[in-house]
C-alpha atoms as a PDB file:
ATOM      1  CA  MET A   1     -12.683  -1.135 -25.544  1.00  0.00           C
ATOM      2  CA  ASP A   2      -8.929  -1.475 -26.036  1.00  0.00           C
ATOM      3  CA  LYS A   3      -7.097  -1.609 -22.707  1.00  0.00           C
ATOM      4  CA  VAL A   4      -4.590   1.018 -23.847  1.00  0.00           C
ATOM      5  CA  ILE A   5      -7.442   3.465 -24.314  1.00  0.00           C
ATOM      6  CA  ILE A   6      -8.947   2.480 -20.951  1.00  0.00           C
ATOM      7  CA  TYR A   7      -5.809   2.761 -18.872  1.00  0.00           C
ATOM      8  CA  ALA A   8      -3.442   5.207 -20.554  1.00  0.00           C
ATOM      9  CA  ALA A   9      -5.115   8.302 -19.127  1.00  0.00           C
ATOM     10  CA  VAL A  10      -5.952   6.908 -15.677  1.00  0.00           C
ATOM     11  CA  ASN A  11      -2.472   5.454 -15.140  1.00  0.00           C
ATOM     12  CA  THR A  12      -0.893   8.773 -16.097  1.00  0.00           C
ATOM     13  CA  LYS A  13      -3.095  10.397 -13.454  1.00  0.00           C
ATOM     14  CA  ILE A  14      -2.136   7.735 -10.914  1.00  0.00           C
ATOM     15  CA  ARG A  15       1.591   8.271 -11.490  1.00  0.00           C
ATOM     16  CA  ALA A  16       1.109  11.999 -10.965  1.00  0.00           C
ATOM     17  CA  LEU A  17      -0.837  11.411  -7.713  1.00  0.00           C
ATOM     18  CA  GLU A  18       1.735   8.890  -6.457  1.00  0.00           C
ATOM     19  CA  LYS A  19       4.361  11.620  -6.453  1.00  0.00           C
ATOM     20  CA  ASP A  20       2.514  13.090  -3.467  1.00  0.00           C
ATOM     21  CA  PHE A  21       2.938   9.934  -1.382  1.00  0.00           C
ATOM     22  CA  LEU A  22       5.120  10.268   1.685  1.00  0.00           C
ATOM     23  CA  LYS A  23       8.746   9.158   1.522  1.00  0.00           C
ATOM     24  CA  ARG A  24      10.413   6.782   3.946  1.00  0.00           C
ATOM     25  CA  GLU A  25      12.212   9.640   5.682  1.00  0.00           C
ATOM     26  CA  ASP A  26       8.881  11.367   6.266  1.00  0.00           C
ATOM     27  CA  TYR A  27       7.633   8.463   8.349  1.00  0.00           C
ATOM     28  CA  LEU A  28      10.909   8.261  10.252  1.00  0.00           C
ATOM     29  CA  ASN A  29      10.818  11.998  10.958  1.00  0.00           C
ATOM     30  CA  MET A  30       7.179  11.962  12.082  1.00  0.00           C
ATOM     31  CA  ILE A  31       7.737   9.032  14.387  1.00  0.00           C
ATOM     32  CA  GLN A  32      10.152  11.206  16.389  1.00  0.00           C
ATOM     33  CA  LYS A  33       7.479  13.808  17.113  1.00  0.00           C
ATOM     34  CA  LYS A  34       5.938  14.078  20.561  1.00  0.00           C
ATOM     35  CA  SER A  35       2.457  15.375  19.757  1.00  0.00           C
ATOM     36  CA  VAL A  36      -0.335  15.399  17.196  1.00  0.00           C
ATOM     37  CA  VAL A  37       0.477  19.049  16.547  1.00  0.00           C
ATOM     38  CA  GLY A  38       4.092  18.108  15.851  1.00  0.00           C
ATOM     39  CA  VAL A  39       3.061  15.512  13.253  1.00  0.00           C
ATOM     40  CA  ALA A  40       0.534  17.883  11.666  1.00  0.00           C
ATOM     41  CA  ARG A  41       3.108  20.658  11.498  1.00  0.00           C
ATOM     42  CA  TYR A  42       5.611  18.326   9.832  1.00  0.00           C
ATOM     43  CA  LEU A  43       2.998  17.288   7.255  1.00  0.00           C
ATOM     44  CA  LYS A  44       2.119  20.920   6.590  1.00  0.00           C
ATOM     45  CA  ASP A  45       5.694  22.188   6.282  1.00  0.00           C
ATOM     46  CA  ASN A  46       7.426  19.264   4.556  1.00  0.00           C
ATOM     47  CA  THR A  47       4.973  17.211   2.483  1.00  0.00           C
ATOM     48  CA  SER A  48       2.255  17.461  -0.163  1.00  0.00           C
ATOM     49  CA  TYR A  49      -0.298  17.535   2.682  1.00  0.00           C
ATOM     50  CA  GLY A  50       0.683  21.158   3.156  1.00  0.00           C
ATOM     51  CA  LYS A  51      -1.946  22.050   0.533  1.00  0.00           C
ATOM     52  CA  LEU A  52      -4.661  20.406   2.644  1.00  0.00           C
ATOM     53  CA  LEU A  53      -3.503  21.963   5.891  1.00  0.00           C
ATOM     54  CA  ARG A  54      -2.783  25.445   4.558  1.00  0.00           C
ATOM     55  CA  GLU A  55      -5.920  26.993   6.044  1.00  0.00           C
ATOM     56  CA  ILE A  56      -6.003  24.795   9.182  1.00  0.00           C
ATOM     57  CA  ASN A  57      -5.016  26.126  12.604  1.00  0.00           C
ATOM     58  CA  ILE A  58      -2.431  23.485  13.418  1.00  0.00           C
ATOM     59  CA  ASP A  59      -2.075  24.593  17.030  1.00  0.00           C
ATOM     60  CA  ASN A  60      -5.598  23.370  17.823  1.00  0.00           C
ATOM     61  CA  ILE A  61      -5.788  20.280  15.631  1.00  0.00           C
ATOM     62  CA  SER A  62      -6.893  16.984  17.199  1.00  0.00           C
ATOM     63  CA  ARG A  63      -6.082  13.444  16.127  1.00  0.00           C
ATOM     64  CA  ARG A  64      -9.663  13.010  14.921  1.00  0.00           C
ATOM     65  CA  ASP A  65      -9.541  16.251  12.937  1.00  0.00           C
ATOM     66  CA  LEU A  66      -6.341  15.218  11.204  1.00  0.00           C
ATOM     67  CA  GLU A  67      -7.647  11.731  10.411  1.00  0.00           C
ATOM     68  CA  ASP A  68     -10.841  13.207   8.955  1.00  0.00           C
ATOM     69  CA  ILE A  69      -8.821  15.531   6.702  1.00  0.00           C
ATOM     70  CA  LEU A  70      -6.683  12.615   5.488  1.00  0.00           C
ATOM     71  CA  LYS A  71      -9.647  10.341   4.777  1.00  0.00           C
ATOM     72  CA  ASN A  72     -11.598  13.013   2.943  1.00  0.00           C
ATOM     73  CA  ASN A  73      -8.535  13.647   0.816  1.00  0.00           C
ATOM     74  CA  MET A  74      -8.470   9.939  -0.038  1.00  0.00           C
ATOM     75  CA  ILE A  75     -12.149  10.110  -1.030  1.00  0.00           C
ATOM     76  CA  LYS A  76     -11.443  13.143  -3.205  1.00  0.00           C
ATOM     77  CA  ASN A  77      -8.673  11.319  -5.050  1.00  0.00           C
ATOM     78  CA  MET A  78     -10.699   8.124  -5.469  1.00  0.00           C
ATOM     79  CA  ASP A  79     -13.487  10.175  -7.012  1.00  0.00           C
ATOM     80  CA  LYS A  80     -10.937  11.647  -9.417  1.00  0.00           C
ATOM     81  CA  LEU A  81     -10.086   8.138 -10.630  1.00  0.00           C
ATOM     82  CA  ILE A  82     -13.729   7.102 -10.988  1.00  0.00           C
ATOM     83  CA  TYR A  83     -14.138  10.021 -13.392  1.00  0.00           C
ATOM     84  CA  TYR A  84     -11.744   8.378 -15.876  1.00  0.00           C
ATOM     85  CA  PHE A  85     -13.743   5.153 -16.194  1.00  0.00           C
ATOM     86  CA  ARG A  86     -16.917   4.355 -18.105  1.00  0.00           C
ATOM     87  CA  ASP A  87     -19.805   1.893 -17.831  1.00  0.00           C
ATOM     88  CA  ASP A  88     -19.094  -1.247 -15.773  1.00  0.00           C
ATOM     89  CA  TYR A  89     -15.540  -0.145 -15.057  1.00  0.00           C
ATOM     90  CA  LYS A  90     -16.903   2.928 -13.301  1.00  0.00           C
ATOM     91  CA  GLU A  91     -19.078   0.664 -11.136  1.00  0.00           C
ATOM     92  CA  LEU A  92     -16.083  -1.585 -10.430  1.00  0.00           C
ATOM     93  CA  ILE A  93     -13.974   1.316  -9.156  1.00  0.00           C
ATOM     94  CA  ARG A  94     -16.872   2.692  -7.123  1.00  0.00           C
ATOM     95  CA  SER A  95     -17.128  -0.706  -5.443  1.00  0.00           C
ATOM     96  CA  LEU A  96     -13.715  -0.096  -3.867  1.00  0.00           C
ATOM     97  CA  TYR A  97     -15.633   2.060  -1.390  1.00  0.00           C
ATOM     98  CA  ILE A  98     -17.338  -1.074   0.001  1.00  0.00           C
ATOM     99  CA  LYS A  99     -14.301  -2.000   2.091  1.00  0.00           C
ATOM    100  CA  TYR A 100     -13.976   1.401   3.712  1.00  0.00           C
ATOM    101  CA  GLU A 101     -17.661   1.835   4.416  1.00  0.00           C
ATOM    102  CA  ILE A 102     -17.698  -1.592   6.083  1.00  0.00           C
ATOM    103  CA  GLU A 103     -14.828  -0.523   8.339  1.00  0.00           C
ATOM    104  CA  ASP A 104     -16.816   2.560   9.357  1.00  0.00           C
ATOM    105  CA  LEU A 105     -19.898   0.416  10.026  1.00  0.00           C
ATOM    106  CA  LYS A 106     -17.794  -1.823  12.282  1.00  0.00           C
ATOM    107  CA  ILE A 107     -16.594   1.179  14.283  1.00  0.00           C
ATOM    108  CA  LEU A 108     -20.153   2.444  14.580  1.00  0.00           C
ATOM    109  CA  SER A 109     -21.374  -1.001  15.658  1.00  0.00           C
ATOM    110  CA  ARG A 110     -18.642  -1.358  18.300  1.00  0.00           C
ATOM    111  CA  SER A 111     -19.483   2.039  19.723  1.00  0.00           C
ATOM    112  CA  ILE A 112     -23.181   1.150  19.939  1.00  0.00           C
ATOM    113  CA  PHE A 113     -22.387  -2.267  21.427  1.00  0.00           C
ATOM    114  CA  ASN A 114     -20.197  -0.650  24.100  1.00  0.00           C
ATOM    115  CA  GLY A 115     -22.847   1.949  24.945  1.00  0.00           C
ATOM    116  CA  LYS A 116     -20.833   4.946  23.758  1.00  0.00           C
ATOM    117  CA  ASP A 117     -22.393   8.252  22.795  1.00  0.00           C
ATOM    118  CA  LEU A 118     -22.034   8.323  19.019  1.00  0.00           C
ATOM    119  CA  GLU A 119     -21.139  12.002  19.156  1.00  0.00           C
ATOM    120  CA  THR A 120     -17.961  11.077  21.042  1.00  0.00           C
ATOM    121  CA  ILE A 121     -16.579   8.496  18.600  1.00  0.00           C
ATOM    122  CA  GLU A 122     -12.889   9.230  18.276  1.00  0.00           C
ATOM    123  CA  LYS A 123     -12.491   8.028  14.686  1.00  0.00           C
ATOM    124  CA  PRO A 124     -14.187   9.959  11.867  1.00  0.00           C
ATOM    125  CA  LEU A 125     -16.606   7.840   9.828  1.00  0.00           C
ATOM    126  CA  SER A 126     -15.832   9.561   6.558  1.00  0.00           C
ATOM    127  CA  PHE A 127     -16.875   6.709   4.248  1.00  0.00           C
ATOM    128  CA  LEU A 128     -20.395   6.069   5.587  1.00  0.00           C
ATOM    129  CA  GLY A 129     -22.842   6.173   2.688  1.00  0.00           C
ATOM    130  CA  LYS A 130     -20.168   6.332  -0.030  1.00  0.00           C
ATOM    131  CA  TYR A 131     -21.074   2.921  -1.449  1.00  0.00           C
ATOM    132  CA  SER A 132     -24.440   2.116   0.155  1.00  0.00           C
ATOM    133  CA  ARG A 133     -25.681   5.682  -0.372  1.00  0.00           C
ATOM    134  CA  VAL A 134     -27.489   5.428   2.952  1.00  0.00           C
ATOM    135  CA  ASP A 135     -27.806   8.771   4.747  1.00  0.00           C
ATOM    136  CA  PRO A 136     -25.232   8.692   7.601  1.00  0.00           C
ATOM    137  CA  LYS A 137     -27.616  10.760   9.751  1.00  0.00           C
ATOM    138  CA  ILE A 138     -30.040   7.840   9.768  1.00  0.00           C
ATOM    139  CA  LEU A 139     -27.308   5.428  10.871  1.00  0.00           C
ATOM    140  CA  PHE A 140     -26.263   7.743  13.719  1.00  0.00           C
ATOM    141  CA  LYS A 141     -29.762   7.594  15.189  1.00  0.00           C
ATOM    142  CA  SER A 142     -29.277   3.894  16.008  1.00  0.00           C
ATOM    143  CA  LYS A 143     -29.424   2.966  19.696  1.00  0.00           C
ATOM    144  CA  THR A 144     -28.719  -0.752  19.203  1.00  0.00           C
ATOM    145  CA  ASN A 145     -27.050  -2.867  16.563  1.00  0.00           C
ATOM    146  CA  ARG A 146     -30.527  -4.043  15.641  1.00  0.00           C
ATOM    147  CA  ASP A 147     -31.457  -0.428  14.893  1.00  0.00           C
ATOM    148  CA  LEU A 148     -28.297  -0.117  12.848  1.00  0.00           C
ATOM    149  CA  ILE A 149     -29.208  -3.174  10.781  1.00  0.00           C
ATOM    150  CA  TYR A 150     -32.708  -1.853  10.080  1.00  0.00           C
ATOM    151  CA  SER A 151     -31.215   1.525   9.160  1.00  0.00           C
ATOM    152  CA  LEU A 152     -29.317  -0.208   6.339  1.00  0.00           C
ATOM    153  CA  LYS A 153     -32.496  -1.477   4.695  1.00  0.00           C
ATOM    154  CA  GLY A 154     -32.323  -0.854   0.974  1.00  0.00           C
ATOM    155  CA  SER A 155     -28.532  -1.269   0.863  1.00  0.00           C
ATOM    156  CA  GLU A 156     -26.663  -4.385  -0.253  1.00  0.00           C
ATOM    157  CA  PHE A 157     -25.388  -4.844   3.297  1.00  0.00           C
ATOM    158  CA  TYR A 158     -28.891  -5.401   4.676  1.00  0.00           C
ATOM    159  CA  GLU A 159     -29.427  -8.934   3.379  1.00  0.00           C
ATOM    160  CA  PHE A 160     -26.263 -10.157   5.081  1.00  0.00           C
ATOM    161  CA  LEU A 161     -27.074  -8.550   8.431  1.00  0.00           C
ATOM    162  CA  ILE A 162     -30.821  -9.095   8.769  1.00  0.00           C
ATOM    163  CA  PRO A 163     -30.444 -12.796   9.785  1.00  0.00           C
ATOM    164  CA  LEU A 164     -28.654 -11.577  12.943  1.00  0.00           C
ATOM    165  CA  VAL A 165     -31.814  -9.802  14.145  1.00  0.00           C
ATOM    166  CA  ASN A 166     -33.407 -13.131  15.017  1.00  0.00           C
ATOM    167  CA  GLY A 167     -30.452 -14.134  17.186  1.00  0.00           C
ATOM    168  CA  LYS A 168     -30.942 -14.411  20.933  1.00  0.00           C
ATOM    169  CA  LYS A 169     -27.982 -12.194  21.682  1.00  0.00           C
ATOM    170  CA  GLU A 170     -26.268  -9.413  19.799  1.00  0.00           C
ATOM    171  CA  ASN A 171     -22.759 -10.507  18.918  1.00  0.00           C
ATOM    172  CA  ARG A 172     -20.223  -8.021  17.616  1.00  0.00           C
ATOM    173  CA  PHE A 173     -18.056 -10.752  16.100  1.00  0.00           C
ATOM    174  CA  ARG A 174     -20.965 -12.180  14.086  1.00  0.00           C
ATOM    175  CA  PHE A 175     -21.954  -8.671  12.962  1.00  0.00           C
ATOM    176  CA  GLU A 176     -18.442  -8.012  11.667  1.00  0.00           C
ATOM    177  CA  MET A 177     -18.104 -11.417  10.027  1.00  0.00           C
ATOM    178  CA  ALA A 178     -21.472 -10.995   8.298  1.00  0.00           C
ATOM    179  CA  LEU A 179     -20.286  -7.661   6.891  1.00  0.00           C
ATOM    180  CA  ASP A 180     -17.010  -9.147   5.683  1.00  0.00           C
ATOM    181  CA  MET A 181     -18.834 -12.073   4.084  1.00  0.00           C
ATOM    182  CA  GLY A 182     -21.119  -9.524   2.481  1.00  0.00           C
ATOM    183  CA  TYR A 183     -18.089  -7.710   1.085  1.00  0.00           C
ATOM    184  CA  PHE A 184     -16.861 -10.781  -0.772  1.00  0.00           C
ATOM    185  CA  SER A 185     -20.368 -11.865  -1.787  1.00  0.00           C
ATOM    186  CA  ILE A 186     -21.049  -8.457  -3.343  1.00  0.00           C
ATOM    187  CA  ILE A 187     -17.725  -8.580  -5.172  1.00  0.00           C
ATOM    188  CA  GLN A 188     -18.317 -12.103  -6.439  1.00  0.00           C
ATOM    189  CA  SER A 189     -21.876 -11.344  -7.532  1.00  0.00           C
ATOM    190  CA  ARG A 190     -20.834  -8.531  -9.852  1.00  0.00           C
ATOM    191  CA  LYS A 191     -21.546  -9.388 -13.474  1.00  0.00           C
ATOM    192  CA  LEU A 192     -19.429  -6.679 -14.984  1.00  0.00           C
ATOM    193  CA  LYS A 193     -18.336  -6.414 -18.582  1.00  0.00           C
ATOM    194  CA  ILE A 194     -14.602  -6.130 -18.108  1.00  0.00           C
ATOM    195  CA  SER A 195     -11.693  -7.670 -19.981  1.00  0.00           C
ATOM    196  CA  ARG A 196     -10.658 -11.295 -19.531  1.00  0.00           C
ATOM    197  CA  GLU A 197      -7.241 -10.187 -18.234  1.00  0.00           C
ATOM    198  CA  ASP A 198      -8.819  -7.910 -15.612  1.00  0.00           C
ATOM    199  CA  ARG A 199     -11.138 -10.723 -14.486  1.00  0.00           C
ATOM    200  CA  LYS A 200      -8.120 -12.993 -14.118  1.00  0.00           C
ATOM    201  CA  ILE A 201      -6.196 -10.414 -12.067  1.00  0.00           C
ATOM    202  CA  LEU A 202      -9.199  -9.666  -9.846  1.00  0.00           C
ATOM    203  CA  LYS A 203      -9.736 -13.379  -9.210  1.00  0.00           C
ATOM    204  CA  LYS A 204      -6.119 -13.726  -8.087  1.00  0.00           C
ATOM    205  CA  TRP A 205      -6.206 -10.634  -5.865  1.00  0.00           C
ATOM    206  CA  GLU A 206      -9.576 -11.373  -4.303  1.00  0.00           C
ATOM    207  CA  GLY A 207      -8.542 -14.984  -3.702  1.00  0.00           C
ATOM    208  CA  LEU A 208      -5.499 -13.860  -1.724  1.00  0.00           C
ATOM    209  CA  LEU A 209      -7.666 -11.513   0.319  1.00  0.00           C
ATOM    210  CA  ALA A 210     -10.188 -14.276   1.004  1.00  0.00           C
ATOM    211  CA  ASP A 211      -7.414 -16.601   2.209  1.00  0.00           C
ATOM    212  CA  LEU A 212      -6.076 -14.011   4.653  1.00  0.00           C
ATOM    213  CA  TYR A 213      -9.533 -13.075   5.935  1.00  0.00           C
ATOM    214  CA  ASN A 214     -10.385 -16.736   6.491  1.00  0.00           C
ATOM    215  CA  ILE A 215      -7.212 -17.385   8.485  1.00  0.00           C
ATOM    216  CA  GLN A 216      -7.793 -14.309  10.629  1.00  0.00           C
ATOM    217  CA  TRP A 217     -11.447 -15.175  11.221  1.00  0.00           C
ATOM    218  CA  VAL A 218     -10.769 -18.778  12.217  1.00  0.00           C
ATOM    219  CA  TYR A 219      -7.992 -17.648  14.559  1.00  0.00           C
ATOM    220  CA  ARG A 220     -10.134 -14.965  16.223  1.00  0.00           C
ATOM    221  CA  GLY A 221     -13.180 -17.209  16.377  1.00  0.00           C
ATOM    222  CA  LYS A 222     -11.245 -19.925  18.167  1.00  0.00           C
ATOM    223  CA  LYS A 223      -9.224 -17.722  20.494  1.00  0.00           C
ATOM    224  CA  PHE A 224     -11.675 -15.029  21.550  1.00  0.00           C
ATOM    225  CA  TYR A 225     -15.158 -16.406  20.911  1.00  0.00           C
ATOM    226  CA  SER A 226     -14.866 -20.206  21.279  1.00  0.00           C
ATOM    227  CA  LEU A 227     -17.043 -20.748  18.207  1.00  0.00           C
ATOM    228  CA  SER A 228     -17.779 -24.306  17.148  1.00  0.00           C
ATOM    229  CA  PRO A 229     -16.012 -25.711  14.059  1.00  0.00           C
ATOM    230  CA  GLU A 230     -19.359 -25.833  12.256  1.00  0.00           C
ATOM    231  CA  GLU A 231     -20.072 -22.161  12.891  1.00  0.00           C
ATOM    232  CA  LEU A 232     -16.544 -21.142  11.961  1.00  0.00           C
ATOM    233  CA  LEU A 233     -16.803 -23.010   8.667  1.00  0.00           C
ATOM    234  CA  ASN A 234     -20.198 -21.451   7.980  1.00  0.00           C
ATOM    235  CA  TYR A 235     -18.652 -17.972   8.231  1.00  0.00           C
ATOM    236  CA  THR A 236     -15.635 -18.615   6.029  1.00  0.00           C
ATOM    237  CA  ILE A 237     -15.547 -17.173   2.527  1.00  0.00           C
ATOM    238  CA  ASN A 238     -16.343 -19.912   0.039  1.00  0.00           C
ATOM    239  CA  PHE A 239     -13.456 -19.235  -2.335  1.00  0.00           C
ATOM    240  CA  GLY A 240      -9.752 -18.486  -2.168  1.00  0.00           C
ATOM    241  CA  ASP A 241      -6.431 -18.570  -3.980  1.00  0.00           C
ATOM    242  CA  LYS A 242      -4.553 -21.271  -2.062  1.00  0.00           C
ATOM    243  CA  LEU A 243      -6.992 -22.411   0.623  1.00  0.00           C
ATOM    244  CA  THR A 244      -9.500 -24.904  -0.785  1.00  0.00           C
ATOM    245  CA  PHE A 245     -12.715 -25.847   1.006  1.00  0.00           C
ATOM    246  CA  LYS A 246     -10.966 -28.956   2.316  1.00  0.00           C
ATOM    247  CA  LYS A 247      -8.157 -26.860   3.813  1.00  0.00           C
ATOM    248  CA  ARG A 248     -10.559 -24.306   5.294  1.00  0.00           C
ATOM    249  CA  LYS A 249     -12.576 -27.090   6.879  1.00  0.00           C
ATOM    250  CA  ALA A 250      -9.424 -28.638   8.339  1.00  0.00           C
ATOM    251  CA  MET A 251      -8.503 -25.243   9.843  1.00  0.00           C
ATOM    252  CA  CYS A 252     -11.925 -24.929  11.484  1.00  0.00           C
ATOM    253  CA  TYR A 253     -11.737 -28.427  12.954  1.00  0.00           C
ATOM    254  CA  THR A 254      -8.261 -28.129  14.483  1.00  0.00           C
ATOM    255  CA  LYS A 255      -8.374 -29.198  18.127  1.00  0.00           C
ATOM    256  CA  ASN A 256      -6.549 -26.143  19.492  1.00  0.00           C
ATOM    257  CA  LEU A 257      -4.658 -23.006  18.488  1.00  0.00           C
ATOM    258  CA  GLU A 258      -1.290 -24.751  18.399  1.00  0.00           C
ATOM    259  CA  GLU A 259      -2.606 -27.191  15.819  1.00  0.00           C
ATOM    260  CA  LEU A 260      -3.945 -24.260  13.802  1.00  0.00           C
ATOM    261  CA  TYR A 261      -0.558 -22.500  14.006  1.00  0.00           C
ATOM    262  CA  LYS A 262       1.258 -25.578  12.697  1.00  0.00           C
ATOM    263  CA  MET A 263      -1.205 -25.993   9.832  1.00  0.00           C
ATOM    264  CA  ILE A 264      -0.853 -22.362   8.700  1.00  0.00           C
ATOM    265  CA  THR A 265       2.925 -22.442   9.092  1.00  0.00           C
ATOM    266  CA  ASN A 266       3.068 -25.034   6.306  1.00  0.00           C
ATOM    267  CA  THR A 267       1.401 -22.650   3.827  1.00  0.00           C
ATOM    268  CA  ILE A 268       2.591 -19.461   2.095  1.00  0.00           C
ATOM    269  CA  TYR A 269       0.816 -17.617   4.917  1.00  0.00           C
ATOM    270  CA  GLY A 270       3.070 -19.035   7.636  1.00  0.00           C
ATOM    271  CA  PHE A 271       4.499 -15.562   8.268  1.00  0.00           C
ATOM    272  CA  LEU A 272       1.334 -14.742  10.246  1.00  0.00           C
ATOM    273  CA  PHE A 273       2.389 -16.996  13.130  1.00  0.00           C
ATOM    274  CA  LYS A 274       6.169 -16.746  13.178  1.00  0.00           C
ATOM    275  CA  LYS A 275       6.609 -14.790  16.386  1.00  0.00           C
ATOM    276  CA  GLU A 276       5.905 -15.497  20.026  1.00  0.00           C
ATOM    277  CA  GLU A 277       2.322 -15.703  21.325  1.00  0.00           C
ATOM    278  CA  MET A 278       2.120 -12.067  22.420  1.00  0.00           C
ATOM    279  CA  SER A 279       3.025 -10.656  19.028  1.00  0.00           C
ATOM    280  CA  ARG A 280       0.504 -12.771  17.139  1.00  0.00           C
ATOM    281  CA  ASP A 281      -2.381 -10.548  18.168  1.00  0.00           C
ATOM    282  CA  ILE A 282      -0.492  -7.261  18.165  1.00  0.00           C
ATOM    283  CA  TYR A 283       1.155  -7.544  14.770  1.00  0.00           C
ATOM    284  CA  MET A 284      -1.110  -9.891  12.777  1.00  0.00           C
ATOM    285  CA  GLU A 285      -2.999  -7.112  11.020  1.00  0.00           C
ATOM    286  CA  ARG A 286       0.246  -5.342  10.160  1.00  0.00           C
ATOM    287  CA  ARG A 287       1.697  -8.564   8.694  1.00  0.00           C
ATOM    288  CA  ILE A 288      -1.411  -9.067   6.592  1.00  0.00           C
ATOM    289  CA  ASN A 289      -1.287  -5.469   5.345  1.00  0.00           C
ATOM    290  CA  ARG A 290       2.412  -5.632   4.514  1.00  0.00           C
ATOM    291  CA  PHE A 291       1.850  -8.861   2.576  1.00  0.00           C
ATOM    292  CA  MET A 292      -0.956  -7.207   0.609  1.00  0.00           C
ATOM    293  CA  TYR A 293       1.101  -4.050   0.044  1.00  0.00           C
ATOM    294  CA  TYR A 294       4.041  -5.901  -1.497  1.00  0.00           C
ATOM    295  CA  LYS A 295       1.838  -8.390  -3.360  1.00  0.00           C
ATOM    296  CA  LEU A 296       0.016  -5.473  -5.008  1.00  0.00           C
ATOM    297  CA  LYS A 297       3.335  -3.946  -6.043  1.00  0.00           C
ATOM    298  CA  ALA A 298       4.338  -7.271  -7.607  1.00  0.00           C
ATOM    299  CA  LEU A 299       1.024  -7.602  -9.461  1.00  0.00           C
ATOM    300  CA  ASP A 300       1.327  -3.981 -10.590  1.00  0.00           C
ATOM    301  CA  ARG A 301       4.699  -4.742 -12.190  1.00  0.00           C
ATOM    302  CA  GLN A 302       3.482  -8.023 -13.677  1.00  0.00           C
ATOM    303  CA  PHE A 303       0.283  -6.722 -15.283  1.00  0.00           C
ATOM    304  CA  SER A 304       0.859  -3.325 -16.841  1.00  0.00           C
ATOM    305  CA  LEU A 305      -2.148  -1.465 -18.224  1.00  0.00           C
ATOM    306  CA  SER A 306      -4.659  -3.342 -16.090  1.00  0.00           C
ATOM    307  CA  ILE A 307      -7.108  -2.707 -13.275  1.00  0.00           C
ATOM    308  CA  ILE A 308      -4.469  -3.601 -10.693  1.00  0.00           C
ATOM    309  CA  GLN A 309      -2.745  -0.208 -10.997  1.00  0.00           C
ATOM    310  CA  THR A 310      -5.886   1.532  -9.745  1.00  0.00           C
ATOM    311  CA  ILE A 311      -6.377  -0.964  -6.920  1.00  0.00           C
ATOM    312  CA  ASP A 312      -2.718  -0.638  -5.941  1.00  0.00           C
ATOM    313  CA  PHE A 313      -3.021   3.145  -5.766  1.00  0.00           C
ATOM    314  CA  VAL A 314      -6.159   3.084  -3.596  1.00  0.00           C
ATOM    315  CA  TRP A 315      -4.757   0.522  -1.162  1.00  0.00           C
ATOM    316  CA  SER A 316      -1.399   2.335  -0.969  1.00  0.00           C
ATOM    317  CA  PHE A 317      -3.305   5.514  -0.129  1.00  0.00           C
ATOM    318  CA  GLU A 318      -5.111   3.636   2.633  1.00  0.00           C
ATOM    319  CA  PHE A 319      -1.863   2.250   4.031  1.00  0.00           C
ATOM    320  CA  GLU A 320      -0.337   5.727   4.087  1.00  0.00           C
ATOM    321  CA  ILE A 321      -3.231   7.015   6.184  1.00  0.00           C
ATOM    322  CA  ARG A 322      -3.017   3.942   8.422  1.00  0.00           C
ATOM    323  CA  ASP A 323       0.671   4.616   9.022  1.00  0.00           C
ATOM    324  CA  ILE A 324       0.092   8.260   9.927  1.00  0.00           C
ATOM    325  CA  ILE A 325      -2.673   7.238  12.349  1.00  0.00           C
ATOM    326  CA  SER A 326      -0.426   4.525  13.807  1.00  0.00           C
ATOM    327  CA  ILE A 327       2.198   7.193  14.512  1.00  0.00           C
ATOM    328  CA  LEU A 328      -0.430   9.343  16.226  1.00  0.00           C
ATOM    329  CA  GLU A 329      -1.547   6.349  18.299  1.00  0.00           C
ATOM    330  CA  ALA A 330       2.057   5.639  19.283  1.00  0.00           C
ATOM    331  CA  ILE A 331       2.387   9.236  20.493  1.00  0.00           C
ATOM    332  CA  ARG A 332      -0.866   8.926  22.428  1.00  0.00           C
ATOM    333  CA  TYR A 333       0.317   5.836  24.286  1.00  0.00           C
ATOM    334  CA  ASP A 334       3.938   6.985  24.575  1.00  0.00           C
ATOM    335  CA  ILE A 335       5.308   4.051  22.578  1.00  0.00           C
ATOM    336  CA  PRO A 336       9.056   4.341  21.798  1.00  0.00           C
ATOM    337  CA  SER A 337       9.820   5.107  18.150  1.00  0.00           C
ATOM    338  CA  GLU A 338      11.589   1.784  17.480  1.00  0.00           C
ATOM    339  CA  GLU A 339       8.592  -0.115  18.823  1.00  0.00           C
ATOM    340  CA  ALA A 340       6.167   2.127  16.929  1.00  0.00           C
ATOM    341  CA  ARG A 341       7.875   1.291  13.632  1.00  0.00           C
ATOM    342  CA  LYS A 342       6.691  -2.308  14.017  1.00  0.00           C
ATOM    343  CA  PHE A 343       3.128  -1.135  13.456  1.00  0.00           C
ATOM    344  CA  LEU A 344       3.833   0.665  10.171  1.00  0.00           C
ATOM    345  CA  VAL A 345       2.934  -0.922   6.853  1.00  0.00           C
ATOM    346  CA  LYS A 346       5.002   1.023   4.310  1.00  0.00           C
ATOM    347  CA  VAL A 347       8.174   1.334   6.392  1.00  0.00           C
ATOM    348  CA  ALA A 348      10.210  -1.712   7.446  1.00  0.00           C
END
């Protein structure tokens, strides 16, 4: 089908929805607030979120309540976009839910691993079941990560997690890496009938993501889990945009973190390790997200009437929610506004 026919309607819808995104001054105003109620009231009185919060008693709203409202609004808008697509394109857009369901599964796994009562999880798990179509109630019955893995039987995640059941010790890092590997394996295994240009754009975008994930995994595996080079290499994603197998292997076999830092510094991803040791852990995720945010904007401009406009919209929506939650977290821990800004993705 002609790409103009495919994208004209959906991109018009996207441009209309983008008008509801927060402005820079909104973030700067919210970051001055002293409570969750203050942020919620600002959103209700001054932004498009007022429609969502119209019937909500702001005086009693919790951080979890507000996050759940924001995430469910994102789901609602993603479903609106899926409606515009047909056949394999509809399946492609639905697969965007994989990322967010995996993040919810990680939160659920961490809570189980740390022995928390699942009813007390602070973050809402709004995306559970959206891609896998597994009943969230079944997942919440899990007492161990092993239970959680078995609960996912029948989903595409199961085959990537089931090998962990035979391990001698449950390992949260391996659980999360297996899920992330599953994410890219599912994406790569799709045999969808989409245009050559869209395949080219997706290959570029997914390659950049794979590079960043691999760097983060190798760094975390070396610093926090002392994994062997062989195991690190085994968990890396087997494709990328700039990082070939040879380069990934060299990263895994670096003798120490300093050697890894120097190696990454000589790539386009050197920005990840520019600051002092303390900030590497604190701000790495934000640097990765900002890179992805601006790279998506560049791809959006470069490839008009393509799949990248939809991906850009969904990720921008995610980053907006992340920034609001970061502001709420800064309030919770009494972080000064200037310091809190360093955690935001869409505001420099």
